[in-house]
C-alpha atoms as a PDB file:
ATOM      1  CA  MET A   1     128.342  68.410 132.173  1.00  0.00           C
ATOM      2  CA  PRO A   2     128.016  71.926 131.348  1.00  0.00           C
ATOM      3  CA  TRP A   3     130.626  70.554 128.080  1.00  0.00           C
ATOM      4  CA  ILE A   4     128.224  68.330 127.367  1.00  0.00           C
ATOM      5  CA  ILE A   5     125.356  70.783 126.926  1.00  0.00           C
ATOM      6  CA  ALA A   6     127.402  73.349 125.135  1.00  0.00           C
ATOM      7  CA  GLY A   7     128.523  70.132 122.820  1.00  0.00           C
ATOM      8  CA  THR A   8     124.501  69.615 122.271  1.00  0.00           C
ATOM      9  CA  ILE A   9     123.978  72.952 121.200  1.00  0.00           C
ATOM     10  CA  ALA A  10     126.701  73.737 119.422  1.00  0.00           C
ATOM     11  CA  LEU A  11     125.762  70.345 117.051  1.00  0.00           C
ATOM     12  CA  LEU A  12     121.906  71.755 116.977  1.00  0.00           C
ATOM     13  CA  ILE A  13     123.500  75.039 115.491  1.00  0.00           C
ATOM     14  CA  VAL A  14     125.428  73.275 112.924  1.00  0.00           C
ATOM     15  CA  GLY A  15     122.840  71.127 111.787  1.00  0.00           C
ATOM     16  CA  ALA A  16     120.201  73.589 111.789  1.00  0.00           C
ATOM     17  CA  TYR A  17     122.657  75.739 109.293  1.00  0.00           C
ATOM     18  CA  GLY A  18     123.622  72.981 107.277  1.00  0.00           C
ATOM     19  CA  TRP A  19     119.726  72.445 106.631  1.00  0.00           C
ATOM     20  CA  MET A  20     119.099  75.526 105.858  1.00  0.00           C
ATOM     21  CA  THR A  21     122.013  75.869 103.019  1.00  0.00           C
ATOM     22  CA  TYR A  22     120.543  72.396 102.229  1.00  0.00           C
ATOM     23  CA  ALA A  23     116.548  73.788 101.724  1.00  0.00           C
ATOM     24  CA  GLN A  24     117.411  76.787  99.702  1.00  0.00           C
ATOM     25  CA  SER A  25     119.912  75.310  97.454  1.00  0.00           C
ATOM     26  CA  MET A  26     116.814  73.210  96.723  1.00  0.00           C
ATOM     27  CA  ASN A  27     114.708  76.583  95.680  1.00  0.00           C
ATOM     28  CA  SER A  28     117.430  78.321  93.621  1.00  0.00           C
ATOM     29  CA  VAL A  29     117.145  79.102  90.475  1.00  0.00           C
ATOM     30  CA  ASP A  30     119.582  80.725  87.323  1.00  0.00           C
ATOM     31  CA  ALA A  31     118.320  82.282  84.509  1.00  0.00           C
ATOM     32  CA  ASP A  32     120.299  83.470  81.503  1.00  0.00           C
ATOM     33  CA  ASP A  33     119.824  85.721  78.764  1.00  0.00           C
ATOM     34  CA  LEU A  34     120.166  84.257  75.605  1.00  0.00           C
ATOM     35  CA  GLY A  35     119.246  86.741  72.640  1.00  0.00           C
ATOM     36  CA  TYR A  36     116.176  88.709  72.185  1.00  0.00           C
ATOM     37  CA  GLU A  37     114.780  90.240  68.917  1.00  0.00           C
ATOM     38  CA  VAL A  38     112.442  93.333  68.718  1.00  0.00           C
ATOM     39  CA  VAL A  39     109.343  92.033  66.476  1.00  0.00           C
ATOM     40  CA  ASP A  40     107.925  95.187  65.849  1.00  0.00           C
ATOM     41  CA  GLU A  41     106.802  98.535  67.659  1.00  0.00           C
ATOM     42  CA  HIS A  42     104.523  96.564  70.364  1.00  0.00           C
ATOM     43  CA  SER A  43     106.296  93.147  70.929  1.00  0.00           C
ATOM     44  CA  VAL A  44     110.004  91.802  71.672  1.00  0.00           C
ATOM     45  CA  THR A  45     110.589  88.217  71.880  1.00  0.00           C
ATOM     46  CA  LEU A  46     113.039  87.060  74.645  1.00  0.00           C
ATOM     47  CA  ARG A  47     114.991  83.464  74.322  1.00  0.00           C
ATOM     48  CA  PHE A  48     116.521  82.642  77.709  1.00  0.00           C
ATOM     49  CA  GLN A  49     117.676  79.857  79.774  1.00  0.00           C
ATOM     50  CA  VAL A  50     116.907  78.536  83.340  1.00  0.00           C
ATOM     51  CA  THR A  51     118.806  75.946  85.757  1.00  0.00           C
ATOM     52  CA  THR A  52     116.996  74.578  88.423  1.00  0.00           C
ATOM     53  CA  THR A  53     116.479  71.303  90.460  1.00  0.00           C
ATOM     54  CA  HIS A  54     114.930  68.805  88.290  1.00  0.00           C
ATOM     55  CA  GLY A  55     110.991  68.664  88.300  1.00  0.00           C
ATOM     56  CA  ARG A  56     110.478  71.964  89.932  1.00  0.00           C
ATOM     57  CA  ASP A  57     108.034  74.342  88.135  1.00  0.00           C
ATOM     58  CA  ILE A  58     109.354  77.537  88.170  1.00  0.00           C
ATOM     59  CA  ALA A  59     108.039  81.529  86.877  1.00  0.00           C
ATOM     60  CA  CYS A  60     110.235  84.457  85.359  1.00  0.00           C
ATOM     61  CA  ALA A  61     109.451  88.201  85.564  1.00  0.00           C
ATOM     62  CA  VAL A  62     110.658  89.386  81.720  1.00  0.00           C
ATOM     63  CA  GLU A  63     111.116  92.671  80.991  1.00  0.00           C
ATOM     64  CA  ALA A  64     111.313  94.955  77.680  1.00  0.00           C
ATOM     65  CA  LEU A  65     113.355  97.993  77.939  1.00  0.00           C
ATOM     66  CA  ASP A  66     113.380 100.867  76.152  1.00  0.00           C
ATOM     67  CA  GLU A  67     116.460 102.765  74.887  1.00  0.00           C
ATOM     68  CA  GLU A  68     116.552 105.021  77.962  1.00  0.00           C
ATOM     69  CA  PHE A  69     115.883 101.753  80.069  1.00  0.00           C
ATOM     70  CA  GLY A  70     112.537 102.450  80.873  1.00  0.00           C
ATOM     71  CA  VAL A  71     110.006  99.049  81.180  1.00  0.00           C
ATOM     72  CA  VAL A  72     108.043  99.380  78.104  1.00  0.00           C
ATOM     73  CA  GLY A  73     106.647  95.877  78.562  1.00  0.00           C
ATOM     74  CA  TRP A  74     106.792  93.153  81.016  1.00  0.00           C
ATOM     75  CA  LYS A  75     105.311  89.769  81.808  1.00  0.00           C
ATOM     76  CA  ILE A  76     105.828  86.621  83.990  1.00  0.00           C
ATOM     77  CA  VAL A  77     106.223  83.048  82.444  1.00  0.00           C
ATOM     78  CA  GLU A  78     105.387  80.076  84.079  1.00  0.00           C
ATOM     79  CA  ILE A  79     107.444  77.027  83.399  1.00  0.00           C
ATOM     80  CA  ILE A  80     106.536  73.194  84.043  1.00  0.00           C
ATOM     81  CA  GLY A  81     108.890  71.309  85.616  1.00  0.00           C
ATOM     82  CA  ALA A  82     110.830  68.916  83.483  1.00  0.00           C
ATOM     83  CA  ASP A  83     113.394  66.235  83.617  1.00  0.00           C
ATOM     84  CA  GLU A  84     116.159  67.975  82.679  1.00  0.00           C
ATOM     85  CA  HIS A  85     117.943  70.947  85.205  1.00  0.00           C
ATOM     86  CA  SER A  86     118.105  73.457  82.063  1.00  0.00           C
ATOM     87  CA  GLN A  87     115.573  74.243  79.983  1.00  0.00           C
ATOM     88  CA  GLN A  88     115.709  76.873  77.018  1.00  0.00           C
ATOM     89  CA  VAL A  89     112.348  78.992  77.106  1.00  0.00           C
ATOM     90  CA  ASP A  90     111.479  81.638  73.891  1.00  0.00           C
ATOM     91  CA  THR A  91     108.261  84.175  74.935  1.00  0.00           C
ATOM     92  CA  VAL A  92     106.622  87.238  73.378  1.00  0.00           C
ATOM     93  CA  ILE A  93     106.573  90.258  75.377  1.00  0.00           C
ATOM     94  CA  PRO A  94     103.764  92.424  74.426  1.00  0.00           C
ATOM     95  CA  THR A  95     104.948  96.489  74.608  1.00  0.00           C
ATOM     96  CA  VAL A  96     103.607  99.673  75.284  1.00  0.00           C
ATOM     97  CA  GLY A  97     106.056 101.167  73.154  1.00  0.00           C
ATOM     98  CA  GLU A  98     109.464 100.487  71.117  1.00  0.00           C
ATOM     99  CA  ALA A  99     112.096  98.143  73.184  1.00  0.00           C
ATOM    100  CA  THR A 100     115.475  98.261  72.449  1.00  0.00           C
ATOM    101  CA  THR A 101     116.171  95.131  74.430  1.00  0.00           C
ATOM    102  CA  GLY A 102     113.984  92.585  76.374  1.00  0.00           C
ATOM    103  CA  LEU A 103     115.612  90.101  79.742  1.00  0.00           C
ATOM    104  CA  VAL A 104     114.835  88.161  83.016  1.00  0.00           C
ATOM    105  CA  LYS A 105     114.196  90.309  86.009  1.00  0.00           C
ATOM    106  CA  SER A 106     113.990  87.473  88.030  1.00  0.00           C
ATOM    107  CA  CYS A 107     113.093  83.674  88.673  1.00  0.00           C
ATOM    108  CA  TRP A 108     111.676  81.821  91.506  1.00  0.00           C
ATOM    109  CA  VAL A 109     110.228  78.075  92.246  1.00  0.00           C
ATOM    110  CA  ALA A 110     106.538  78.304  92.071  1.00  0.00           C
END
């Protein structure tokens, strides 16, 4: 009888771990920087690609950095879910000083 209880507990633990792994993969978002263009001393255009489960709305924090890697601009970009797994996004980041780069800080399911 104790081996039945131990087996049931082990099966429940394995099932819970499997479900948590599946649920986490459904909420994962990958972002890849594709390029940037310094428009002027007050803005940077950033191009990036996001990949997630199709149909999920996501949000990304993007930044503009100066030559000393200080943040001179940032914003949150909201992206409406689409039928495709990957979407390319272009956004303009307003800055308080001249930037030398733009990048995606992080993304999440909204």
